[in-house]
Structure formats: C-alpha cells, structure tokens
Amino acid sequence: MKTRNSTTRSLVEGALMIALSTILSYITIFNLPHGGGITLVSMLPLIIMSYRNGTRWGLFTAFVHSLLQLMQGLDNVAYCQTLIAQIGCILLDYILAFTALGLANALGSKFRSGYAKIAVGTVGACLLRFVCSFLSGYIVWKDYSYAFEWLNNFSWGAWATQTLGENALCWFYSFAYNAFYMLPETILTVAVALILYRTAPKIFNLDKVEK
C-alpha cells in the first residue's frame, strides 16, 4: 500500500510539474527570431521533480514533457526538408533536450551541501539541454547565409565572419545563438532554485531515500 501511495503521489506531482512548466514556457522575457528564448524559469519545475522524487521519476516526467513540447512544435519538424533532419529535430530539439532536465538530481547527488547539489545539478541539466540545441543548430538547422547575417549584427560576431571558414562559422553561430538565451535562462533558473531552497528547502526533498 505504501508503494502504491508513493507512486500515486509521484504521478500527481509529475503532472503538476509538467503543467507548471508548460505554463511558464509561455511567459517569455525575450524571444529570438528562429526559436529559443528566455522564459520565466520554465525548466525549474522539471528540475525540482528530479530532486523530489529521484532521477527515474525526473527522467520520466521530463520525457513526457518533451512529448508535449514536440506536439506543440510539429510545425518546426515539418519545416525540415529531409527525414534525417526531422529525426534530428525531434531528438535534439525536443526529446533529448527536455528529458535531460530530469538528470538534475543525479548530476548534483555527489555533493554534501544542499546548495551545491542544487546549483551543480541545475547547471548540469541546463548545460545538457544547451548541448542538444548546439548540436541541432549545426546538424539540423545549418544555414551559412543566415549565420553570417546574424553574427554581423554584433562586433564580436563580425570578427567571426571575417576569420572563420563556412563550417567553423556555422558551429560558432550555433554556439553563440543558443548561448544567447540559454546562459541567462540558466543563471535565472539557478538563482530562483537557490532562493527557493533557502526559503523553503522541503520543496526539493533532498533528505529522501533514493530508490
């Protein structure tokens, strides 16, 4: 009975975290023209789920969330011109990118301090999502003309267009473009997570027994 109650509780919490994450994803602080933007810590509910219920539940919840995000982004998948590009978009922009957020607990579990656990786990999970977007930016969405045009809007970007070859420039563009929104979103997410832990540590349930 205890196991059944625990499973039910985790399912309910997972559903609530998915709903909250979805709602927060619509509250954007800044949007980029070709996807990506700074949201109101929309990744945090999934990260909290990982800490509260363990890595397995965190991954499961984040995976379900990734499917919902995929359903909302089917137009982006349809925009891809080849089957390989569509598969890459599905995996890198949605499934792997959002499911990786469920690893926050595992990434921070080696640290004794609760602050360190949350900071390292949150940064690590966000970094994994960034890596997925970074790879997608080159493998799926490689566009030298747009990369050249976008980078020329910035002084540091103009340097890149003058010194890098086509492939290197596309890699650099993907890194810069995705870092442009993921870095501030990560900083904001970590800051809010640490504030929550300081004011209401029970939210993260770090004293749980991992199953």
N, C-alpha and C. Protein backbone atom coordinates (compact mmCIF):
# COMPACT_ATOMS: atom_id res chain seq x y z
N MET A 1 0.82 -1.21 0.00
CA MET A 1 0.00 0.00 0.00
C MET A 1 0.86 1.26 0.00
N LYS A 2 1.95 1.21 0.78
CA LYS A 2 2.83 2.37 0.86
C LYS A 2 3.45 2.67 -0.49
N THR A 3 3.87 1.60 -1.22
CA THR A 3 4.47 1.78 -2.54
C THR A 3 3.46 2.36 -3.52
N ARG A 4 2.21 1.87 -3.44
CA ARG A 4 1.17 2.38 -4.33
C ARG A 4 0.90 3.85 -4.06
N ASN A 5 0.84 4.23 -2.79
CA ASN A 5 0.61 5.63 -2.44
C ASN A 5 1.76 6.51 -2.92
N SER A 6 2.99 5.99 -2.80
CA SER A 6 4.16 6.74 -3.24
C SER A 6 4.14 6.94 -4.75
N THR A 7 3.76 5.90 -5.48
CA THR A 7 3.67 6.00 -6.94
C THR A 7 2.60 6.99 -7.36
N THR A 8 1.46 6.94 -6.69
CA THR A 8 0.37 7.86 -7.00
C THR A 8 0.80 9.30 -6.74
N ARG A 9 1.47 9.51 -5.60
CA ARG A 9 1.94 10.85 -5.27
C ARG A 9 2.92 11.36 -6.32
N SER A 10 3.83 10.50 -6.76
CA SER A 10 4.82 10.91 -7.76
C SER A 10 4.16 11.23 -9.10
N LEU A 11 3.14 10.44 -9.46
CA LEU A 11 2.42 10.70 -10.71
C LEU A 11 1.70 12.04 -10.67
N VAL A 12 1.07 12.31 -9.53
CA VAL A 12 0.35 13.57 -9.37
C VAL A 12 1.33 14.75 -9.40
N GLU A 13 2.42 14.61 -8.68
CA GLU A 13 3.42 15.67 -8.68
C GLU A 13 4.00 15.88 -10.07
N GLY A 14 4.25 14.79 -10.77
CA GLY A 14 4.78 14.90 -12.13
C GLY A 14 3.83 15.65 -13.05
N ALA A 15 2.55 15.33 -12.95
CA ALA A 15 1.55 16.01 -13.78
C ALA A 15 1.50 17.50 -13.46
N LEU A 16 1.57 17.81 -12.17
CA LEU A 16 1.55 19.22 -11.77
C LEU A 16 2.79 19.96 -12.27
N MET A 17 3.96 19.32 -12.18
CA MET A 17 5.20 19.95 -12.62
C MET A 17 5.20 20.16 -14.13
N ILE A 18 4.65 19.20 -14.87
CA ILE A 18 4.55 19.36 -16.32
C ILE A 18 3.63 20.52 -16.67
N ALA A 19 2.49 20.61 -15.98
CA ALA A 19 1.56 21.70 -16.23
C ALA A 19 2.20 23.04 -15.91
N LEU A 20 2.90 23.11 -14.78
CA LEU A 20 3.54 24.36 -14.37
C LEU A 20 4.64 24.76 -15.35
N SER A 21 5.42 23.78 -15.78
CA SER A 21 6.49 24.05 -16.73
C SER A 21 5.93 24.55 -18.06
N THR A 22 4.83 23.96 -18.48
CA THR A 22 4.19 24.37 -19.74
C THR A 22 3.68 25.80 -19.64
N ILE A 23 3.04 26.12 -18.52
CA ILE A 23 2.52 27.48 -18.33
C ILE A 23 3.66 28.50 -18.32
N LEU A 24 4.72 28.18 -17.59
CA LEU A 24 5.86 29.11 -17.51
C LEU A 24 6.56 29.29 -18.84
N SER A 25 6.48 28.26 -19.71
CA SER A 25 7.14 28.36 -21.02
C SER A 25 6.47 29.40 -21.91
N TYR A 26 5.22 29.73 -21.60
CA TYR A 26 4.51 30.74 -22.38
C TYR A 26 4.79 32.16 -21.87
N ILE A 27 5.40 32.26 -20.69
CA ILE A 27 5.74 33.57 -20.14
C ILE A 27 7.19 33.86 -20.53
N THR A 28 7.37 34.56 -21.62
CA THR A 28 8.70 34.79 -22.16
C THR A 28 9.19 36.20 -21.85
N ILE A 29 10.44 36.28 -21.50
CA ILE A 29 11.09 37.57 -21.25
C ILE A 29 11.70 38.11 -22.55
N PHE A 30 12.18 37.18 -23.37
CA PHE A 30 12.83 37.57 -24.62
C PHE A 30 12.77 36.39 -25.59
N ASN A 31 12.45 36.67 -26.85
CA ASN A 31 12.40 35.62 -27.87
C ASN A 31 13.37 35.92 -28.99
N LEU A 32 14.00 34.88 -29.51
CA LEU A 32 14.86 35.02 -30.68
C LEU A 32 14.06 34.67 -31.94
N PRO A 33 14.46 35.20 -33.10
CA PRO A 33 13.63 35.06 -34.31
C PRO A 33 13.50 33.64 -34.84
N HIS A 34 14.48 32.78 -34.60
CA HIS A 34 14.44 31.43 -35.15
C HIS A 34 14.43 30.37 -34.05
N GLY A 35 13.64 30.60 -33.05
CA GLY A 35 13.49 29.63 -31.97
C GLY A 35 14.38 29.95 -30.79
N GLY A 36 13.89 29.57 -29.62
CA GLY A 36 14.64 29.83 -28.40
C GLY A 36 14.26 31.17 -27.79
N GLY A 37 14.33 31.23 -26.49
CA GLY A 37 14.01 32.46 -25.78
C GLY A 37 14.17 32.27 -24.29
N ILE A 38 14.17 33.38 -23.59
CA ILE A 38 14.29 33.36 -22.14
C ILE A 38 12.88 33.30 -21.55
N THR A 39 12.59 32.24 -20.83
CA THR A 39 11.28 32.09 -20.22
C THR A 39 11.37 32.34 -18.72
N LEU A 40 10.22 32.33 -18.08
CA LEU A 40 10.17 32.54 -16.64
C LEU A 40 10.43 31.20 -15.94
N VAL A 41 11.70 30.79 -15.94
CA VAL A 41 12.20 29.56 -15.31
C VAL A 41 11.33 28.35 -15.61
N SER A 42 11.00 28.15 -16.89
CA SER A 42 10.12 27.04 -17.25
C SER A 42 10.78 25.67 -17.05
N MET A 43 12.11 25.62 -16.95
CA MET A 43 12.79 24.34 -16.72
C MET A 43 12.77 23.92 -15.26
N LEU A 44 12.56 24.88 -14.37
CA LEU A 44 12.71 24.62 -12.93
C LEU A 44 11.74 23.58 -12.38
N PRO A 45 10.47 23.57 -12.75
CA PRO A 45 9.57 22.53 -12.21
C PRO A 45 10.05 21.11 -12.51
N LEU A 46 10.60 20.89 -13.70
CA LEU A 46 11.11 19.56 -14.05
C LEU A 46 12.34 19.22 -13.24
N ILE A 47 13.17 20.21 -12.99
CA ILE A 47 14.36 20.01 -12.16
C ILE A 47 13.97 19.70 -10.72
N ILE A 48 12.99 20.41 -10.22
CA ILE A 48 12.51 20.15 -8.86
C ILE A 48 11.94 18.73 -8.76
N MET A 49 11.23 18.30 -9.80
CA MET A 49 10.68 16.94 -9.82
C MET A 49 11.79 15.91 -9.68
N SER A 50 12.90 16.13 -10.32
CA SER A 50 14.04 15.22 -10.24
C SER A 50 14.57 15.13 -8.82
N TYR A 51 14.68 16.27 -8.15
CA TYR A 51 15.17 16.27 -6.77
C TYR A 51 14.15 15.64 -5.81
N ARG A 52 12.89 15.96 -5.99
CA ARG A 52 11.86 15.50 -5.05
C ARG A 52 11.64 13.99 -5.13
N ASN A 53 11.67 13.43 -6.32
CA ASN A 53 11.27 12.05 -6.50
C ASN A 53 12.36 11.13 -7.06
N GLY A 54 13.55 11.67 -7.26
CA GLY A 54 14.64 10.85 -7.76
C GLY A 54 14.81 10.93 -9.27
N THR A 55 15.92 10.43 -9.73
CA THR A 55 16.29 10.57 -11.14
C THR A 55 15.32 9.85 -12.08
N ARG A 56 14.88 8.65 -11.71
CA ARG A 56 13.98 7.91 -12.60
C ARG A 56 12.67 8.65 -12.83
N TRP A 57 12.09 9.14 -11.77
CA TRP A 57 10.86 9.92 -11.92
C TRP A 57 11.13 11.24 -12.63
N GLY A 58 12.28 11.81 -12.35
CA GLY A 58 12.64 13.06 -13.03
C GLY A 58 12.75 12.86 -14.53
N LEU A 59 13.41 11.79 -14.94
CA LEU A 59 13.55 11.50 -16.37
C LEU A 59 12.20 11.19 -17.02
N PHE A 60 11.39 10.42 -16.32
CA PHE A 60 10.07 10.06 -16.87
C PHE A 60 9.22 11.32 -17.07
N THR A 61 9.19 12.17 -16.05
CA THR A 61 8.39 13.39 -16.14
C THR A 61 8.91 14.31 -17.23
N ALA A 62 10.22 14.48 -17.29
CA ALA A 62 10.80 15.34 -18.32
C ALA A 62 10.57 14.78 -19.71
N PHE A 63 10.57 13.45 -19.85
CA PHE A 63 10.31 12.82 -21.14
C PHE A 63 8.87 13.09 -21.59
N VAL A 64 7.92 12.93 -20.68
CA VAL A 64 6.52 13.23 -21.03
C VAL A 64 6.38 14.69 -21.43
N HIS A 65 7.06 15.57 -20.71
CA HIS A 65 7.02 16.99 -21.05
C HIS A 65 7.60 17.21 -22.45
N SER A 66 8.67 16.48 -22.78
CA SER A 66 9.29 16.64 -24.10
C SER A 66 8.32 16.26 -25.21
N LEU A 67 7.49 15.24 -24.96
CA LEU A 67 6.50 14.84 -25.96
C LEU A 67 5.45 15.93 -26.16
N LEU A 68 5.04 16.57 -25.08
CA LEU A 68 4.09 17.67 -25.19
C LEU A 68 4.70 18.84 -25.95
N GLN A 69 5.96 19.15 -25.66
CA GLN A 69 6.65 20.21 -26.38
C GLN A 69 6.78 19.87 -27.86
N LEU A 70 7.02 18.60 -28.15
CA LEU A 70 7.12 18.15 -29.54
C LEU A 70 5.80 18.35 -30.27
N MET A 71 4.70 18.00 -29.62
CA MET A 71 3.39 18.18 -30.23
C MET A 71 3.12 19.64 -30.55
N GLN A 72 3.59 20.53 -29.67
CA GLN A 72 3.39 21.96 -29.90
C GLN A 72 4.34 22.49 -30.98
N GLY A 73 5.42 21.76 -31.25
CA GLY A 73 6.41 22.23 -32.22
C GLY A 73 6.44 21.43 -33.50
N LEU A 74 5.36 20.76 -33.84
CA LEU A 74 5.34 19.94 -35.05
C LEU A 74 5.58 20.76 -36.32
N ASP A 75 5.21 22.03 -36.30
CA ASP A 75 5.47 22.89 -37.46
C ASP A 75 6.97 23.00 -37.72
N ASN A 76 7.75 23.04 -36.64
CA ASN A 76 9.21 23.11 -36.81
C ASN A 76 9.74 21.83 -37.44
N VAL A 77 9.19 20.69 -37.02
CA VAL A 77 9.62 19.41 -37.58
C VAL A 77 9.26 19.34 -39.06
N ALA A 78 8.04 19.78 -39.39
CA ALA A 78 7.58 19.75 -40.78
C ALA A 78 8.43 20.66 -41.67
N TYR A 79 9.03 21.68 -41.07
CA TYR A 79 9.85 22.63 -41.83
C TYR A 79 11.14 21.98 -42.31
N CYS A 80 11.60 20.94 -41.60
CA CYS A 80 12.82 20.23 -42.01
C CYS A 80 12.59 19.56 -43.36
N GLN A 81 13.57 19.62 -44.23
CA GLN A 81 13.37 19.19 -45.61
C GLN A 81 13.70 17.72 -45.85
N THR A 82 14.39 17.08 -44.92
CA THR A 82 14.73 15.66 -45.10
C THR A 82 14.30 14.87 -43.87
N LEU A 83 14.17 13.54 -44.05
CA LEU A 83 13.78 12.68 -42.94
C LEU A 83 14.84 12.70 -41.84
N ILE A 84 16.11 12.72 -42.23
CA ILE A 84 17.20 12.76 -41.25
C ILE A 84 17.12 14.04 -40.42
N ALA A 85 16.84 15.14 -41.10
CA ALA A 85 16.72 16.42 -40.39
C ALA A 85 15.53 16.40 -39.43
N GLN A 86 14.44 15.78 -39.85
CA GLN A 86 13.26 15.68 -38.99
C GLN A 86 13.55 14.85 -37.74
N ILE A 87 14.25 13.73 -37.93
CA ILE A 87 14.62 12.90 -36.79
C ILE A 87 15.55 13.66 -35.85
N GLY A 88 16.52 14.37 -36.44
CA GLY A 88 17.45 15.17 -35.64
C GLY A 88 16.73 16.23 -34.85
N CYS A 89 15.75 16.87 -35.48
CA CYS A 89 14.97 17.91 -34.80
C CYS A 89 14.18 17.32 -33.64
N ILE A 90 13.52 16.19 -33.88
CA ILE A 90 12.72 15.55 -32.84
C ILE A 90 13.59 15.18 -31.63
N LEU A 91 14.75 14.61 -31.91
CA LEU A 91 15.61 14.16 -30.82
C LEU A 91 16.32 15.32 -30.12
N LEU A 92 16.99 16.16 -30.89
CA LEU A 92 17.85 17.19 -30.31
C LEU A 92 17.09 18.41 -29.81
N ASP A 93 16.02 18.79 -30.50
CA ASP A 93 15.28 19.99 -30.08
C ASP A 93 14.20 19.69 -29.04
N TYR A 94 13.81 18.43 -28.95
CA TYR A 94 12.70 18.11 -28.05
C TYR A 94 13.02 16.94 -27.09
N ILE A 95 13.08 15.73 -27.59
CA ILE A 95 13.15 14.55 -26.71
C ILE A 95 14.37 14.60 -25.80
N LEU A 96 15.56 14.65 -26.38
CA LEU A 96 16.78 14.64 -25.57
C LEU A 96 16.95 15.94 -24.79
N ALA A 97 16.63 17.06 -25.43
CA ALA A 97 16.86 18.36 -24.80
C ALA A 97 16.08 18.51 -23.51
N PHE A 98 14.80 18.15 -23.52
CA PHE A 98 13.97 18.33 -22.33
C PHE A 98 14.09 17.16 -21.35
N THR A 99 14.29 15.96 -21.87
CA THR A 99 14.45 14.81 -20.97
C THR A 99 15.69 14.96 -20.11
N ALA A 100 16.72 15.60 -20.65
CA ALA A 100 17.98 15.81 -19.92
C ALA A 100 17.77 16.57 -18.61
N LEU A 101 16.71 17.36 -18.53
CA LEU A 101 16.45 18.13 -17.31
C LEU A 101 16.16 17.20 -16.13
N GLY A 102 15.70 15.99 -16.42
CA GLY A 102 15.42 15.04 -15.35
C GLY A 102 16.66 14.48 -14.69
N LEU A 103 17.84 14.79 -15.22
CA LEU A 103 19.10 14.30 -14.65
C LEU A 103 19.66 15.21 -13.56
N ALA A 104 18.96 16.28 -13.23
CA ALA A 104 19.48 17.25 -12.25
C ALA A 104 19.87 16.58 -10.94
N ASN A 105 19.02 15.70 -10.44
CA ASN A 105 19.30 15.04 -9.17
C ASN A 105 20.56 14.19 -9.24
N ALA A 106 20.72 13.44 -10.32
CA ALA A 106 21.90 12.58 -10.49
C ALA A 106 23.17 13.41 -10.60
N LEU A 107 23.10 14.53 -11.30
CA LEU A 107 24.28 15.36 -11.52
C LEU A 107 24.75 16.05 -10.24
N GLY A 108 23.82 16.35 -9.34
CA GLY A 108 24.20 17.05 -8.13
C GLY A 108 24.31 16.18 -6.90
N SER A 109 24.06 14.88 -7.05
CA SER A 109 23.94 14.00 -5.88
C SER A 109 25.26 13.76 -5.14
N LYS A 110 26.39 13.97 -5.76
CA LYS A 110 27.69 13.69 -5.13
C LYS A 110 28.11 14.74 -4.11
N PHE A 111 27.41 15.84 -4.07
CA PHE A 111 27.80 16.93 -3.17
C PHE A 111 27.02 16.84 -1.85
N ARG A 112 27.67 17.20 -0.77
CA ARG A 112 27.04 17.15 0.55
C ARG A 112 26.14 18.35 0.80
N SER A 113 26.62 19.52 0.41
CA SER A 113 25.85 20.73 0.64
C SER A 113 24.61 20.76 -0.25
N GLY A 114 23.48 21.11 0.34
CA GLY A 114 22.25 21.22 -0.44
C GLY A 114 22.36 22.28 -1.51
N TYR A 115 23.00 23.39 -1.18
CA TYR A 115 23.18 24.47 -2.16
C TYR A 115 24.00 23.98 -3.35
N ALA A 116 25.07 23.22 -3.05
CA ALA A 116 25.92 22.69 -4.13
C ALA A 116 25.16 21.68 -4.97
N LYS A 117 24.38 20.82 -4.32
CA LYS A 117 23.60 19.83 -5.05
C LYS A 117 22.67 20.50 -6.06
N ILE A 118 21.99 21.53 -5.61
CA ILE A 118 21.02 22.20 -6.46
C ILE A 118 21.70 23.02 -7.54
N ALA A 119 22.75 23.75 -7.17
CA ALA A 119 23.45 24.58 -8.15
C ALA A 119 24.09 23.74 -9.24
N VAL A 120 24.84 22.71 -8.84
CA VAL A 120 25.55 21.88 -9.81
C VAL A 120 24.57 21.08 -10.66
N GLY A 121 23.56 20.49 -10.01
CA GLY A 121 22.57 19.71 -10.76
C GLY A 121 21.80 20.55 -11.75
N THR A 122 21.41 21.74 -11.34
CA THR A 122 20.65 22.62 -12.23
C THR A 122 21.50 23.09 -13.39
N VAL A 123 22.72 23.52 -13.10
CA VAL A 123 23.62 23.96 -14.17
C VAL A 123 23.91 22.81 -15.13
N GLY A 124 24.16 21.62 -14.57
CA GLY A 124 24.46 20.46 -15.41
C GLY A 124 23.31 20.09 -16.32
N ALA A 125 22.09 20.10 -15.79
CA ALA A 125 20.92 19.75 -16.60
C ALA A 125 20.69 20.79 -17.70
N CYS A 126 20.85 22.06 -17.35
CA CYS A 126 20.70 23.12 -18.35
C CYS A 126 21.80 23.03 -19.40
N LEU A 127 23.01 22.66 -18.99
CA LEU A 127 24.11 22.52 -19.93
C LEU A 127 23.84 21.39 -20.92
N LEU A 128 23.27 20.29 -20.45
CA LEU A 128 22.93 19.19 -21.35
C LEU A 128 21.88 19.63 -22.37
N ARG A 129 20.91 20.41 -21.93
CA ARG A 129 19.93 20.92 -22.88
C ARG A 129 20.60 21.84 -23.89
N PHE A 130 21.53 22.66 -23.43
CA PHE A 130 22.26 23.55 -24.33
C PHE A 130 23.03 22.75 -25.38
N VAL A 131 23.70 21.68 -24.95
CA VAL A 131 24.48 20.86 -25.88
C VAL A 131 23.57 20.30 -26.98
N CYS A 132 22.38 19.85 -26.61
CA CYS A 132 21.43 19.34 -27.60
C CYS A 132 21.06 20.43 -28.62
N SER A 133 20.78 21.62 -28.13
CA SER A 133 20.41 22.73 -29.00
C SER A 133 21.60 23.15 -29.87
N PHE A 134 22.78 23.13 -29.28
CA PHE A 134 24.00 23.48 -30.01
C PHE A 134 24.24 22.52 -31.17
N LEU A 135 24.10 21.22 -30.92
CA LEU A 135 24.27 20.23 -31.98
C LEU A 135 23.19 20.37 -33.05
N SER A 136 21.97 20.61 -32.61
CA SER A 136 20.87 20.78 -33.55
C SER A 136 21.09 21.99 -34.45
N GLY A 137 21.64 23.06 -33.89
CA GLY A 137 21.87 24.28 -34.65
C GLY A 137 22.77 24.06 -35.85
N TYR A 138 23.67 23.09 -35.74
CA TYR A 138 24.55 22.79 -36.87
C TYR A 138 24.03 21.62 -37.69
N ILE A 139 23.68 20.53 -37.04
CA ILE A 139 23.30 19.31 -37.75
C ILE A 139 21.97 19.47 -38.49
N VAL A 140 21.00 20.12 -37.82
CA VAL A 140 19.65 20.22 -38.39
C VAL A 140 19.43 21.54 -39.11
N TRP A 141 19.87 22.65 -38.50
CA TRP A 141 19.49 23.98 -38.98
C TRP A 141 20.64 24.75 -39.62
N LYS A 142 21.69 24.08 -40.02
CA LYS A 142 22.85 24.76 -40.60
C LYS A 142 22.45 25.65 -41.78
N ASP A 143 22.78 26.92 -41.68
CA ASP A 143 22.45 27.90 -42.72
C ASP A 143 23.53 28.98 -42.70
N TYR A 144 24.49 28.86 -43.60
CA TYR A 144 25.63 29.78 -43.59
C TYR A 144 25.20 31.23 -43.82
N SER A 145 24.28 31.44 -44.74
CA SER A 145 23.86 32.81 -45.07
C SER A 145 23.24 33.50 -43.87
N TYR A 146 22.34 32.79 -43.17
CA TYR A 146 21.71 33.40 -42.01
C TYR A 146 22.71 33.58 -40.87
N ALA A 147 23.59 32.59 -40.69
CA ALA A 147 24.61 32.70 -39.64
C ALA A 147 25.48 33.92 -39.87
N PHE A 148 25.89 34.11 -41.11
CA PHE A 148 26.73 35.27 -41.47
C PHE A 148 25.99 36.57 -41.18
N GLU A 149 24.73 36.63 -41.59
CA GLU A 149 23.93 37.84 -41.40
C GLU A 149 23.70 38.14 -39.91
N TRP A 150 23.35 37.10 -39.14
CA TRP A 150 23.05 37.30 -37.71
C TRP A 150 24.28 37.73 -36.94
N LEU A 151 25.40 37.09 -37.19
CA LEU A 151 26.63 37.40 -36.46
C LEU A 151 27.14 38.80 -36.78
N ASN A 152 26.87 39.29 -37.98
CA ASN A 152 27.33 40.63 -38.36
C ASN A 152 26.59 41.73 -37.61
N ASN A 153 25.55 41.38 -36.87
CA ASN A 153 24.85 42.37 -36.06
C ASN A 153 25.63 42.75 -34.81
N PHE A 154 26.68 41.99 -34.50
CA PHE A 154 27.45 42.20 -33.28
C PHE A 154 28.93 42.39 -33.64
N SER A 155 29.62 43.19 -32.85
CA SER A 155 31.03 43.46 -33.12
C SER A 155 31.85 42.17 -33.02
N TRP A 156 31.59 41.37 -31.98
CA TRP A 156 32.31 40.11 -31.85
C TRP A 156 31.91 39.12 -32.93
N GLY A 157 30.69 39.22 -33.40
CA GLY A 157 30.23 38.34 -34.47
C GLY A 157 30.86 38.70 -35.80
N ALA A 158 31.04 40.01 -36.03
CA ALA A 158 31.69 40.45 -37.26
C ALA A 158 33.11 39.91 -37.34
N TRP A 159 33.76 39.84 -36.20
CA TRP A 159 35.11 39.24 -36.17
C TRP A 159 35.06 37.80 -36.65
N ALA A 160 34.06 37.07 -36.22
CA ALA A 160 33.94 35.66 -36.61
C ALA A 160 33.71 35.52 -38.10
N THR A 161 32.86 36.37 -38.68
CA THR A 161 32.56 36.25 -40.11
C THR A 161 33.78 36.57 -40.96
N GLN A 162 34.70 37.32 -40.44
CA GLN A 162 35.89 37.70 -41.20
C GLN A 162 37.03 36.71 -41.06
N THR A 163 36.98 35.86 -40.04
CA THR A 163 38.13 34.98 -39.78
C THR A 163 37.83 33.50 -39.88
N LEU A 164 36.56 33.10 -39.78
CA LEU A 164 36.22 31.67 -39.76
C LEU A 164 35.74 31.19 -41.12
N GLY A 165 36.03 29.93 -41.42
CA GLY A 165 35.51 29.30 -42.63
C GLY A 165 34.04 28.97 -42.48
N GLU A 166 33.44 28.43 -43.53
CA GLU A 166 31.99 28.21 -43.53
C GLU A 166 31.55 27.27 -42.41
N ASN A 167 32.17 26.10 -42.30
CA ASN A 167 31.77 25.14 -41.27
C ASN A 167 32.02 25.67 -39.87
N ALA A 168 33.21 26.25 -39.67
CA ALA A 168 33.54 26.79 -38.35
C ALA A 168 32.59 27.92 -37.97
N LEU A 169 32.21 28.72 -38.95
CA LEU A 169 31.30 29.84 -38.68
C LEU A 169 29.92 29.31 -38.27
N CYS A 170 29.47 28.25 -38.92
CA CYS A 170 28.15 27.67 -38.58
C CYS A 170 28.17 27.06 -37.18
N TRP A 171 29.28 26.41 -36.81
CA TRP A 171 29.41 25.90 -35.45
C TRP A 171 29.41 27.05 -34.45
N PHE A 172 30.18 28.09 -34.76
CA PHE A 172 30.27 29.23 -33.85
C PHE A 172 28.92 29.91 -33.71
N TYR A 173 28.21 30.05 -34.83
CA TYR A 173 26.88 30.66 -34.79
C TYR A 173 25.93 29.87 -33.90
N SER A 174 25.94 28.54 -34.05
CA SER A 174 25.05 27.72 -33.23
C SER A 174 25.37 27.88 -31.75
N PHE A 175 26.67 27.92 -31.44
CA PHE A 175 27.08 28.11 -30.04
C PHE A 175 26.61 29.47 -29.52
N ALA A 176 26.88 30.52 -30.29
CA ALA A 176 26.53 31.88 -29.85
C ALA A 176 25.02 32.08 -29.77
N TYR A 177 24.31 31.60 -30.78
CA TYR A 177 22.86 31.79 -30.82
C TYR A 177 22.18 31.12 -29.63
N ASN A 178 22.54 29.87 -29.37
CA ASN A 178 21.91 29.14 -28.27
C ASN A 178 22.37 29.63 -26.90
N ALA A 179 23.63 30.05 -26.80
CA ALA A 179 24.11 30.61 -25.54
C ALA A 179 23.44 31.94 -25.25
N PHE A 180 23.02 32.64 -26.30
CA PHE A 180 22.41 33.96 -26.18
C PHE A 180 21.17 33.92 -25.29
N TYR A 181 20.43 32.82 -25.33
CA TYR A 181 19.24 32.71 -24.48
C TYR A 181 19.40 31.69 -23.35
N MET A 182 20.21 30.63 -23.61
CA MET A 182 20.35 29.60 -22.58
C MET A 182 21.18 30.05 -21.39
N LEU A 183 22.20 30.89 -21.62
CA LEU A 183 23.02 31.36 -20.50
C LEU A 183 22.22 32.19 -19.51
N PRO A 184 21.50 33.23 -19.96
CA PRO A 184 20.71 33.98 -18.98
C PRO A 184 19.58 33.16 -18.36
N GLU A 185 18.99 32.25 -19.14
CA GLU A 185 17.93 31.41 -18.57
C GLU A 185 18.49 30.48 -17.50
N THR A 186 19.69 29.96 -17.74
CA THR A 186 20.33 29.09 -16.74
C THR A 186 20.64 29.87 -15.47
N ILE A 187 21.20 31.06 -15.62
CA ILE A 187 21.52 31.89 -14.45
C ILE A 187 20.25 32.20 -13.66
N LEU A 188 19.18 32.55 -14.36
CA LEU A 188 17.91 32.85 -13.70
C LEU A 188 17.34 31.62 -13.00
N THR A 189 17.43 30.47 -13.65
CA THR A 189 16.91 29.23 -13.08
C THR A 189 17.67 28.83 -11.82
N VAL A 190 18.99 28.92 -11.88
CA VAL A 190 19.81 28.59 -10.71
C VAL A 190 19.52 29.55 -9.56
N ALA A 191 19.41 30.83 -9.87
CA ALA A 191 19.15 31.83 -8.83
C ALA A 191 17.82 31.57 -8.13
N VAL A 192 16.78 31.32 -8.92
CA VAL A 192 15.45 31.06 -8.33
C VAL A 192 15.46 29.75 -7.55
N ALA A 193 16.15 28.74 -8.06
CA ALA A 193 16.23 27.46 -7.36
C ALA A 193 16.90 27.62 -6.00
N LEU A 194 17.99 28.38 -5.94
CA LEU A 194 18.70 28.58 -4.68
C LEU A 194 17.87 29.42 -3.70
N ILE A 195 17.14 30.39 -4.23
CA ILE A 195 16.26 31.20 -3.37
C ILE A 195 15.16 30.32 -2.78
N LEU A 196 14.59 29.45 -3.62
CA LEU A 196 13.55 28.54 -3.13
C LEU A 196 14.11 27.60 -2.07
N TYR A 197 15.33 27.11 -2.31
CA TYR A 197 15.93 26.19 -1.34
C TYR A 197 16.21 26.89 -0.02
N ARG A 198 16.61 28.14 -0.09
CA ARG A 198 16.91 28.89 1.14
C ARG A 198 15.63 29.18 1.93
N THR A 199 14.55 29.50 1.22
CA THR A 199 13.31 29.91 1.89
C THR A 199 12.40 28.72 2.21
N ALA A 200 12.44 27.69 1.36
CA ALA A 200 11.56 26.53 1.58
C ALA A 200 12.27 25.27 1.13
N PRO A 201 13.27 24.80 1.87
CA PRO A 201 14.09 23.65 1.45
C PRO A 201 13.31 22.36 1.25
N LYS A 202 12.15 22.22 1.93
CA LYS A 202 11.38 20.99 1.80
C LYS A 202 10.83 20.80 0.38
N ILE A 203 10.80 21.87 -0.39
CA ILE A 203 10.33 21.76 -1.77
C ILE A 203 11.18 20.76 -2.55
N PHE A 204 12.48 20.73 -2.28
CA PHE A 204 13.40 19.87 -3.02
C PHE A 204 13.51 18.47 -2.43
N ASN A 205 13.12 18.29 -1.18
CA ASN A 205 13.08 16.97 -0.56
C ASN A 205 14.43 16.25 -0.68
N LEU A 206 15.51 16.96 -0.37
CA LEU A 206 16.85 16.39 -0.52
C LEU A 206 17.14 15.28 0.47
N ASP A 207 16.34 15.14 1.51
CA ASP A 207 16.57 14.10 2.52
C ASP A 207 15.90 12.78 2.18
N LYS A 208 15.32 12.67 0.99
CA LYS A 208 14.63 11.43 0.60
C LYS A 208 15.63 10.29 0.49
N VAL A 209 15.12 9.08 0.59
CA VAL A 209 15.92 7.88 0.36
C VAL A 209 15.77 7.52 -1.10
N GLU A 210 16.89 7.56 -1.83
CA GLU A 210 16.84 7.27 -3.27
C GLU A 210 16.46 5.82 -3.52
N LYS A 211 15.54 5.55 -4.42
CA LYS A 211 15.10 4.19 -4.74
C LYS A 211 15.62 3.78 -6.10
